[in-house]
């Protein structure tokens, strides 16, 4: 089974990894250190676009 995300086919393994990354970024960005602000902005844009 594959899913299309951002125009790229993803296996269920990759989809699970993307979901895990999204969860971890969500935790980090709930109270981000200064060094992570740009990463959190990019994450927020990606989440809003989905």
N, C-alpha and C. Protein backbone atom coordinates (compact mmCIF):
# COMPACT_ATOMS: atom_id res chain seq x y z
N UNK A 1 0.84 -1.18 0.00
CA UNK A 1 0.00 0.00 0.00
C UNK A 1 0.88 1.24 0.00
N UNK A 2 0.54 2.22 -0.79
CA UNK A 2 1.28 3.48 -0.76
C UNK A 2 0.30 4.64 -0.74
N UNK A 3 0.76 5.73 -0.22
CA UNK A 3 -0.03 6.96 -0.11
C UNK A 3 0.76 8.07 -0.77
N UNK A 4 0.06 9.05 -1.32
CA UNK A 4 0.73 10.18 -1.93
C UNK A 4 0.67 11.36 -0.97
N UNK A 5 1.83 11.90 -0.62
CA UNK A 5 1.94 13.06 0.25
C UNK A 5 2.91 14.02 -0.40
N UNK A 6 2.47 15.23 -0.63
CA UNK A 6 3.30 16.24 -1.28
C UNK A 6 3.82 15.76 -2.63
N UNK A 7 3.00 14.98 -3.32
CA UNK A 7 3.36 14.53 -4.66
C UNK A 7 4.33 13.37 -4.70
N UNK A 8 4.66 12.79 -3.53
CA UNK A 8 5.62 11.69 -3.49
C UNK A 8 4.93 10.43 -2.97
N UNK A 9 5.10 9.29 -3.64
CA UNK A 9 4.52 8.06 -3.12
C UNK A 9 5.26 7.63 -1.86
N UNK A 10 4.51 7.20 -0.84
CA UNK A 10 5.11 6.77 0.42
C UNK A 10 4.61 5.38 0.78
N UNK A 11 5.52 4.53 1.19
CA UNK A 11 5.11 3.22 1.69
C UNK A 11 4.52 3.42 3.07
N UNK A 12 3.86 2.39 3.59
CA UNK A 12 3.28 2.51 4.93
C UNK A 12 4.38 2.74 5.97
N UNK A 13 5.57 2.16 5.75
CA UNK A 13 6.70 2.41 6.66
C UNK A 13 7.06 3.89 6.67
N UNK A 14 7.20 4.48 5.48
CA UNK A 14 7.55 5.89 5.40
C UNK A 14 6.44 6.78 5.95
N UNK A 15 5.20 6.41 5.71
CA UNK A 15 4.09 7.18 6.25
C UNK A 15 4.13 7.15 7.78
N UNK A 16 4.40 5.98 8.35
CA UNK A 16 4.50 5.88 9.81
C UNK A 16 5.65 6.73 10.33
N UNK A 17 6.75 6.76 9.62
CA UNK A 17 7.90 7.58 10.02
C UNK A 17 7.56 9.06 9.94
N UNK A 18 6.83 9.46 8.90
CA UNK A 18 6.41 10.87 8.76
C UNK A 18 5.47 11.25 9.90
N UNK A 19 4.57 10.35 10.27
CA UNK A 19 3.65 10.63 11.38
C UNK A 19 4.42 10.74 12.69
N UNK A 20 5.41 9.89 12.90
CA UNK A 20 6.23 9.96 14.11
C UNK A 20 7.02 11.27 14.15
N UNK A 21 7.57 11.67 13.01
CA UNK A 21 8.29 12.95 12.93
C UNK A 21 7.36 14.11 13.23
N UNK A 22 6.15 14.07 12.69
CA UNK A 22 5.17 15.12 12.93
C UNK A 22 4.84 15.21 14.42
N UNK A 23 4.65 14.07 15.09
CA UNK A 23 4.37 14.07 16.53
C UNK A 23 5.52 14.68 17.32
N UNK A 24 6.74 14.29 16.99
CA UNK A 24 7.91 14.81 17.71
C UNK A 24 8.10 16.30 17.48
N UNK A 25 7.89 16.73 16.24
CA UNK A 25 7.98 18.17 15.96
C UNK A 25 6.88 18.92 16.69
N UNK A 26 5.70 18.35 16.78
CA UNK A 26 4.62 18.97 17.53
C UNK A 26 4.98 19.16 18.98
N UNK A 27 5.60 18.14 19.59
CA UNK A 27 6.04 18.25 20.99
C UNK A 27 7.12 19.32 21.13
N UNK A 28 8.10 19.29 20.25
CA UNK A 28 9.19 20.27 20.30
C UNK A 28 8.66 21.68 20.14
N UNK A 29 7.74 21.85 19.21
CA UNK A 29 7.26 23.19 18.88
C UNK A 29 6.19 23.71 19.84
N UNK A 30 5.76 22.89 20.79
CA UNK A 30 4.82 23.37 21.81
C UNK A 30 5.50 24.40 22.70
N UNK A 31 6.79 24.23 22.92
CA UNK A 31 7.57 25.17 23.72
C UNK A 31 9.00 25.13 23.18
N UNK A 32 9.22 25.70 21.99
CA UNK A 32 10.50 25.52 21.31
C UNK A 32 11.63 26.36 21.90
N UNK A 33 12.83 25.78 21.90
CA UNK A 33 14.00 26.60 22.21
C UNK A 33 14.24 27.56 21.05
N UNK A 34 14.95 28.61 21.31
CA UNK A 34 15.20 29.64 20.29
C UNK A 34 15.80 29.04 19.02
N UNK A 35 16.67 28.05 19.18
CA UNK A 35 17.34 27.44 18.02
C UNK A 35 16.37 26.69 17.11
N UNK A 36 15.20 26.34 17.61
CA UNK A 36 14.27 25.54 16.81
C UNK A 36 13.14 26.36 16.19
N UNK A 37 13.14 27.66 16.38
CA UNK A 37 12.02 28.48 15.89
C UNK A 37 11.82 28.37 14.39
N UNK A 38 12.88 28.39 13.61
CA UNK A 38 12.69 28.31 12.15
C UNK A 38 12.14 26.94 11.74
N UNK A 39 12.59 25.87 12.39
CA UNK A 39 12.06 24.54 12.10
C UNK A 39 10.58 24.48 12.47
N UNK A 40 10.22 25.08 13.59
CA UNK A 40 8.82 25.06 14.02
C UNK A 40 7.93 25.88 13.07
N UNK A 41 8.45 26.96 12.53
CA UNK A 41 7.69 27.75 11.54
C UNK A 41 7.43 26.92 10.29
N UNK A 42 8.45 26.22 9.82
CA UNK A 42 8.30 25.37 8.63
C UNK A 42 7.30 24.26 8.92
N UNK A 43 7.39 23.64 10.09
CA UNK A 43 6.46 22.57 10.48
C UNK A 43 5.04 23.11 10.49
N UNK A 44 4.83 24.29 11.07
CA UNK A 44 3.49 24.87 11.13
C UNK A 44 2.92 25.11 9.73
N UNK A 45 3.75 25.60 8.82
CA UNK A 45 3.30 25.83 7.43
C UNK A 45 2.90 24.52 6.77
N UNK A 46 3.71 23.49 6.97
CA UNK A 46 3.40 22.19 6.38
C UNK A 46 2.11 21.62 6.94
N UNK A 47 1.92 21.70 8.24
CA UNK A 47 0.70 21.18 8.87
C UNK A 47 -0.53 21.94 8.36
N UNK A 48 -0.43 23.26 8.26
CA UNK A 48 -1.57 24.06 7.76
C UNK A 48 -1.89 23.73 6.31
N UNK A 49 -0.87 23.40 5.52
CA UNK A 49 -1.12 23.13 4.09
C UNK A 49 -1.78 21.78 3.85
N UNK A 50 -1.74 20.89 4.83
CA UNK A 50 -2.36 19.58 4.68
C UNK A 50 -3.77 19.70 5.12
